[in-house]
N, C-alpha and C. Protein backbone atom coordinates (compact mmCIF):
# COMPACT_ATOMS: atom_id res chain seq x y z
N GLN A 1 129.34 176.41 83.53
CA GLN A 1 129.95 176.66 84.62
C GLN A 1 129.31 177.67 85.46
N VAL A 2 130.09 177.43 86.97
CA VAL A 2 129.25 178.02 87.97
C VAL A 2 129.70 179.29 88.17
N GLN A 3 128.33 179.81 89.17
CA GLN A 3 129.03 181.84 89.08
C GLN A 3 127.75 181.45 90.37
N LEU A 4 128.73 182.52 91.60
CA LEU A 4 128.50 182.54 92.16
C LEU A 4 128.68 184.49 92.25
N VAL A 5 128.28 184.70 92.05
CA VAL A 5 128.10 186.90 92.54
C VAL A 5 127.59 187.75 93.03
N GLU A 6 128.27 187.90 94.66
CA GLU A 6 127.94 188.68 95.31
C GLU A 6 128.04 190.48 95.23
N SER A 7 126.98 191.00 96.14
CA SER A 7 126.75 191.82 95.27
C SER A 7 126.28 192.70 96.88
N GLY A 8 126.20 194.38 97.12
CA GLY A 8 125.46 194.88 98.19
C GLY A 8 126.64 195.24 99.03
N GLY A 9 128.16 194.78 99.28
CA GLY A 9 128.45 195.32 100.35
C GLY A 9 128.62 196.94 99.99
N GLY A 10 129.51 197.73 101.04
CA GLY A 10 129.34 199.09 100.67
C GLY A 10 130.41 199.59 102.57
N LEU A 11 130.49 200.71 102.35
CA LEU A 11 130.85 201.03 103.44
C LEU A 11 129.62 201.85 104.46
N VAL A 12 129.54 201.57 105.47
CA VAL A 12 128.45 202.50 106.19
C VAL A 12 129.05 202.60 107.95
N GLN A 13 127.84 203.59 108.68
CA GLN A 13 128.98 203.71 110.19
C GLN A 13 128.00 202.64 111.13
N ALA A 14 128.71 202.68 112.26
CA ALA A 14 127.74 201.57 113.09
C ALA A 14 126.57 201.52 113.30
N GLY A 15 125.86 200.73 113.52
CA GLY A 15 124.19 200.83 113.86
C GLY A 15 123.81 200.77 113.11
N GLU A 16 123.89 201.25 111.33
CA GLU A 16 123.23 200.77 110.42
C GLU A 16 123.07 199.58 110.08
N SER A 17 122.36 199.04 108.07
CA SER A 17 122.37 198.22 108.17
C SER A 17 122.94 197.89 106.82
N LEU A 18 122.74 196.42 105.93
CA LEU A 18 123.40 196.18 104.59
C LEU A 18 122.47 195.45 103.99
N ARG A 19 122.56 194.53 103.06
CA ARG A 19 122.07 193.95 102.27
C ARG A 19 123.00 193.35 101.98
N LEU A 20 123.69 191.92 101.79
CA LEU A 20 124.11 191.19 100.74
C LEU A 20 123.51 189.82 99.90
N SER A 21 124.18 190.47 99.21
CA SER A 21 122.82 188.94 97.35
C SER A 21 124.03 188.18 97.04
N CYS A 22 123.34 187.22 97.52
CA CYS A 22 124.09 186.14 96.05
C CYS A 22 123.51 185.29 95.38
N ALA A 23 123.94 185.88 94.04
CA ALA A 23 123.14 185.31 92.60
C ALA A 23 124.04 184.11 91.80
N VAL A 24 122.98 182.77 91.90
CA VAL A 24 123.78 181.65 91.45
C VAL A 24 123.58 181.12 90.18
N SER A 25 124.30 180.81 89.13
CA SER A 25 123.92 180.13 87.92
C SER A 25 124.75 179.02 87.85
N GLY A 26 125.22 177.95 86.91
CA GLY A 26 125.52 176.86 86.61
C GLY A 26 125.43 175.96 87.13
N THR A 27 124.51 175.30 87.79
CA THR A 27 124.85 174.79 88.97
C THR A 27 123.23 175.06 89.49
N ILE A 28 122.71 173.77 90.29
CA ILE A 28 121.08 173.12 90.23
C ILE A 28 120.95 173.50 91.74
N PHE A 29 120.38 175.34 91.98
CA PHE A 29 121.01 175.94 93.66
C PHE A 29 120.25 175.06 94.09
N SER A 30 118.74 174.73 94.07
CA SER A 30 117.85 174.29 95.20
C SER A 30 118.02 173.39 96.06
N ILE A 31 118.76 172.40 95.81
CA ILE A 31 119.75 171.20 96.32
C ILE A 31 121.18 171.14 97.26
N SER A 32 120.99 172.98 97.24
CA SER A 32 122.26 172.36 98.31
C SER A 32 122.28 173.82 99.63
N ALA A 33 122.90 173.44 100.52
CA ALA A 33 123.44 174.66 101.39
C ALA A 33 123.92 175.40 101.29
N MET A 34 123.68 177.35 101.22
CA MET A 34 124.78 177.75 101.20
C MET A 34 124.55 178.89 102.50
N GLY A 35 126.16 179.51 102.13
CA GLY A 35 126.69 179.67 102.69
C GLY A 35 126.67 181.42 103.62
N TRP A 36 126.82 181.98 104.38
CA TRP A 36 127.44 182.99 103.83
C TRP A 36 129.32 183.38 104.78
N TYR A 37 130.10 183.09 104.57
CA TYR A 37 131.54 183.55 105.58
C TYR A 37 132.26 185.10 105.02
N ARG A 38 133.14 185.42 105.73
CA ARG A 38 133.34 186.44 105.47
C ARG A 38 135.29 186.64 106.49
N GLN A 39 135.93 187.30 106.19
CA GLN A 39 137.36 187.06 105.90
C GLN A 39 137.77 188.43 106.51
N ALA A 40 138.53 188.65 107.57
CA ALA A 40 139.03 190.12 108.00
C ALA A 40 140.11 190.17 107.88
N PRO A 41 141.08 191.30 107.72
CA PRO A 41 142.14 190.70 107.16
C PRO A 41 143.21 190.64 108.35
N GLY A 42 144.08 189.85 108.16
CA GLY A 42 144.74 189.33 109.09
C GLY A 42 144.66 187.62 109.58
N LYS A 43 143.13 187.90 109.20
CA LYS A 43 141.97 186.93 109.89
C LYS A 43 141.81 185.64 108.89
N GLN A 44 141.23 184.36 109.69
CA GLN A 44 140.96 183.01 109.12
C GLN A 44 139.16 183.01 108.17
N ARG A 45 138.85 182.74 107.28
CA ARG A 45 137.47 183.44 107.01
C ARG A 45 136.61 182.42 107.70
N GLU A 46 135.59 183.03 109.12
CA GLU A 46 135.11 182.11 109.45
C GLU A 46 133.35 182.07 108.82
N LEU A 47 132.85 181.31 109.02
CA LEU A 47 131.60 180.98 108.79
C LEU A 47 130.36 182.02 109.72
N VAL A 48 129.40 183.54 108.95
CA VAL A 48 128.31 183.98 109.10
C VAL A 48 127.18 183.28 109.11
N ALA A 49 126.78 182.64 108.53
CA ALA A 49 125.27 181.88 108.69
C ALA A 49 125.38 181.06 107.78
N MET A 50 124.23 179.95 107.75
CA MET A 50 124.38 179.01 106.48
C MET A 50 122.53 178.60 106.72
N ILE A 51 121.76 178.59 105.90
CA ILE A 51 120.96 178.01 104.95
C ILE A 51 120.73 176.30 104.38
N THR A 52 119.66 175.80 104.75
CA THR A 52 120.11 174.05 103.74
C THR A 52 118.80 174.70 102.66
N SER A 53 119.05 173.31 102.00
CA SER A 53 118.41 173.29 101.06
C SER A 53 116.87 173.84 101.66
N GLY A 54 116.29 173.41 102.27
CA GLY A 54 115.07 173.16 103.06
C GLY A 54 114.81 174.40 103.64
N GLY A 55 115.50 175.11 103.87
CA GLY A 55 115.52 176.22 105.22
C GLY A 55 115.85 176.59 106.19
N SER A 56 116.22 175.45 106.95
CA SER A 56 117.24 175.69 108.21
C SER A 56 117.94 176.29 108.32
N ARG A 57 117.88 177.57 109.65
CA ARG A 57 119.25 178.77 109.64
C ARG A 57 119.98 178.90 110.59
N SER A 58 121.35 178.55 110.40
CA SER A 58 122.16 178.64 111.59
C SER A 58 122.80 179.56 111.04
N TYR A 59 124.00 180.20 112.92
CA TYR A 59 124.56 181.75 112.90
C TYR A 59 125.69 181.37 113.31
N ALA A 60 126.39 182.57 113.20
CA ALA A 60 127.58 182.03 114.38
C ALA A 60 127.29 183.12 115.45
N ASN A 61 127.61 182.65 116.75
CA ASN A 61 126.93 183.60 118.13
C ASN A 61 127.25 184.98 117.79
N ASN A 62 128.10 185.30 116.73
CA ASN A 62 128.55 186.95 116.81
C ASN A 62 127.69 187.70 116.30
N VAL A 63 126.91 187.03 115.35
CA VAL A 63 126.12 187.66 114.78
C VAL A 63 124.72 187.59 115.09
N LYS A 64 124.32 186.33 116.19
CA LYS A 64 123.29 185.75 116.59
C LYS A 64 121.71 186.97 116.38
N GLY A 65 121.17 187.16 115.70
CA GLY A 65 119.91 188.33 116.91
C GLY A 65 120.70 189.63 115.75
N ARG A 66 121.22 189.59 115.01
CA ARG A 66 121.61 191.03 114.15
C ARG A 66 121.63 190.52 112.71
N PHE A 67 122.04 189.28 112.17
CA PHE A 67 121.82 189.10 111.03
C PHE A 67 121.04 188.22 110.89
N THR A 68 120.13 187.66 109.05
CA THR A 68 119.38 186.61 108.74
C THR A 68 119.59 186.96 107.31
N ILE A 69 119.75 185.25 107.29
CA ILE A 69 120.26 184.72 106.06
C ILE A 69 118.79 184.20 105.49
N SER A 70 119.08 184.35 103.90
CA SER A 70 117.29 183.94 103.05
C SER A 70 117.82 183.12 102.59
N ARG A 71 116.49 182.53 101.42
CA ARG A 71 117.47 182.52 100.23
C ARG A 71 115.84 181.96 99.27
N ASP A 72 115.95 181.93 97.41
CA ASP A 72 114.41 182.08 97.59
C ASP A 72 115.00 180.87 95.75
N ASN A 73 114.34 179.53 95.83
CA ASN A 73 115.21 179.13 95.46
C ASN A 73 114.52 179.46 93.75
N SER A 74 113.80 179.92 93.76
CA SER A 74 113.10 180.36 92.24
C SER A 74 114.29 181.69 91.58
N LYS A 75 114.55 181.78 92.35
CA LYS A 75 115.31 183.29 92.38
C LYS A 75 116.73 183.45 91.44
N ASN A 76 117.21 181.88 92.69
CA ASN A 76 118.78 181.17 92.77
C ASN A 76 119.87 182.12 93.23
N THR A 77 119.53 182.58 94.57
CA THR A 77 119.30 183.62 94.79
C THR A 77 119.80 183.96 96.99
N VAL A 78 120.71 183.85 96.98
CA VAL A 78 120.72 183.82 98.66
C VAL A 78 120.58 185.44 98.66
N TRP A 79 120.49 185.75 100.12
CA TRP A 79 121.01 187.42 101.45
C TRP A 79 121.09 187.28 102.65
N LEU A 80 121.93 188.18 102.61
CA LEU A 80 122.07 188.15 103.89
C LEU A 80 122.08 189.29 104.81
N GLN A 81 121.03 189.82 104.83
CA GLN A 81 120.96 190.65 105.92
C GLN A 81 121.14 191.50 107.14
N MET A 82 122.25 192.39 107.09
CA MET A 82 123.61 193.01 108.06
C MET A 82 122.28 193.88 109.49
N ASN A 83 122.27 193.82 110.33
CA ASN A 83 121.39 195.62 110.61
C ASN A 83 122.43 195.30 112.25
N ALA A 84 122.01 196.29 113.03
CA ALA A 84 123.05 197.17 113.92
C ALA A 84 124.55 196.50 113.03
N LEU A 85 125.59 197.00 112.92
CA LEU A 85 126.00 196.46 111.77
C LEU A 85 127.48 197.33 112.85
N MET A 86 128.51 196.94 112.91
CA MET A 86 129.48 197.10 114.26
C MET A 86 130.75 196.64 113.98
N PRO A 87 131.79 198.00 113.68
CA PRO A 87 133.22 198.11 113.33
C PRO A 87 134.00 196.42 112.85
N GLU A 88 133.73 195.14 114.27
CA GLU A 88 134.45 194.37 114.14
C GLU A 88 133.57 193.44 112.91
N ASP A 89 132.99 193.85 112.23
CA ASP A 89 131.63 193.07 111.18
C ASP A 89 132.49 193.68 110.14
N THR A 90 133.46 194.53 110.06
CA THR A 90 134.37 194.43 108.79
C THR A 90 134.71 193.80 108.11
N ALA A 91 135.02 193.64 107.11
CA ALA A 91 135.71 192.29 106.50
C ALA A 91 135.76 191.75 104.72
N VAL A 92 135.41 191.21 103.92
CA VAL A 92 135.94 190.83 102.28
C VAL A 92 134.06 189.51 103.09
N TYR A 93 133.11 189.88 102.13
CA TYR A 93 131.71 188.25 102.64
C TYR A 93 131.50 187.80 101.83
N TYR A 94 131.86 186.16 101.86
CA TYR A 94 131.91 186.00 100.65
C TYR A 94 130.51 184.16 101.07
N CYS A 95 129.41 184.09 99.55
CA CYS A 95 128.89 183.12 98.96
C CYS A 95 129.25 181.97 99.11
N HIS A 96 128.50 181.15 99.70
CA HIS A 96 129.12 179.68 98.89
C HIS A 96 128.37 178.73 98.99
N TYR A 97 128.62 177.74 97.56
CA TYR A 97 127.82 176.64 97.65
C TYR A 97 128.24 175.55 98.02
N GLU A 98 127.91 175.34 99.18
CA GLU A 98 127.99 173.70 100.28
C GLU A 98 128.38 172.27 99.87
N GLY A 99 127.71 172.36 98.28
CA GLY A 99 127.63 171.10 98.06
C GLY A 99 128.58 170.96 97.10
N TRP A 100 129.36 171.88 96.27
CA TRP A 100 130.12 171.46 95.77
C TRP A 100 131.62 172.45 96.27
N ASN A 101 131.40 173.10 96.63
CA ASN A 101 132.76 174.45 97.40
C ASN A 101 133.09 175.17 96.06
N TYR A 102 132.00 175.83 95.80
CA TYR A 102 132.20 176.82 95.16
C TYR A 102 132.06 178.36 95.69
N TRP A 103 132.96 179.40 95.58
CA TRP A 103 133.18 180.54 96.25
C TRP A 103 132.46 181.45 95.30
N GLY A 104 132.18 182.04 95.43
CA GLY A 104 131.71 183.66 95.14
C GLY A 104 132.55 184.50 94.75
N GLN A 105 133.56 186.01 94.60
CA GLN A 105 134.54 186.43 94.67
C GLN A 105 134.64 187.19 95.96
N GLY A 106 133.71 187.47 96.67
CA GLY A 106 133.18 188.37 97.79
C GLY A 106 132.73 189.57 97.34
N THR A 107 132.97 190.15 98.54
CA THR A 107 132.14 191.40 98.39
C THR A 107 132.36 192.42 99.70
N GLN A 108 133.09 192.92 99.86
CA GLN A 108 133.93 193.81 100.75
C GLN A 108 132.49 194.64 102.06
N VAL A 109 132.46 194.56 103.26
CA VAL A 109 131.66 195.73 104.13
C VAL A 109 132.81 196.18 105.25
N THR A 110 132.59 197.37 105.06
CA THR A 110 133.39 198.35 105.96
C THR A 110 132.34 198.92 106.75
N VAL A 111 132.49 198.67 107.79
CA VAL A 111 131.74 200.07 109.19
C VAL A 111 132.63 200.21 109.75
N SER A 112 131.96 201.93 110.03
CA SER A 112 133.82 203.54 110.33
C SER A 112 132.22 202.72 111.71
N SER A 113 133.71 203.72 112.59
CA SER A 113 132.60 203.53 114.55
C SER A 113 132.24 205.14 114.25
């Protein structure tokens, strides 16, 4: 059974940082790209960042320079380091196993002004 478990969300003030983690089990982690997505109330889910199996990274324009995605294939884990958080970053954040379309349950990030 494939499981993606996110953690690290919370309530922070604007300008602060959070680090999200996503632990993957039940599948071969190293062969798939991994993505972080977010969904704010009343909005569609959007891609925030992606990292390929080889480590190439891409980011949404509105987080570029503030967020960093990374992975450790030996730990079956992907992280999203979020710096200089802004109220518009408030959303539920999901990790996604791109190869077979598996999703985590999401973790809430709330940024107060």
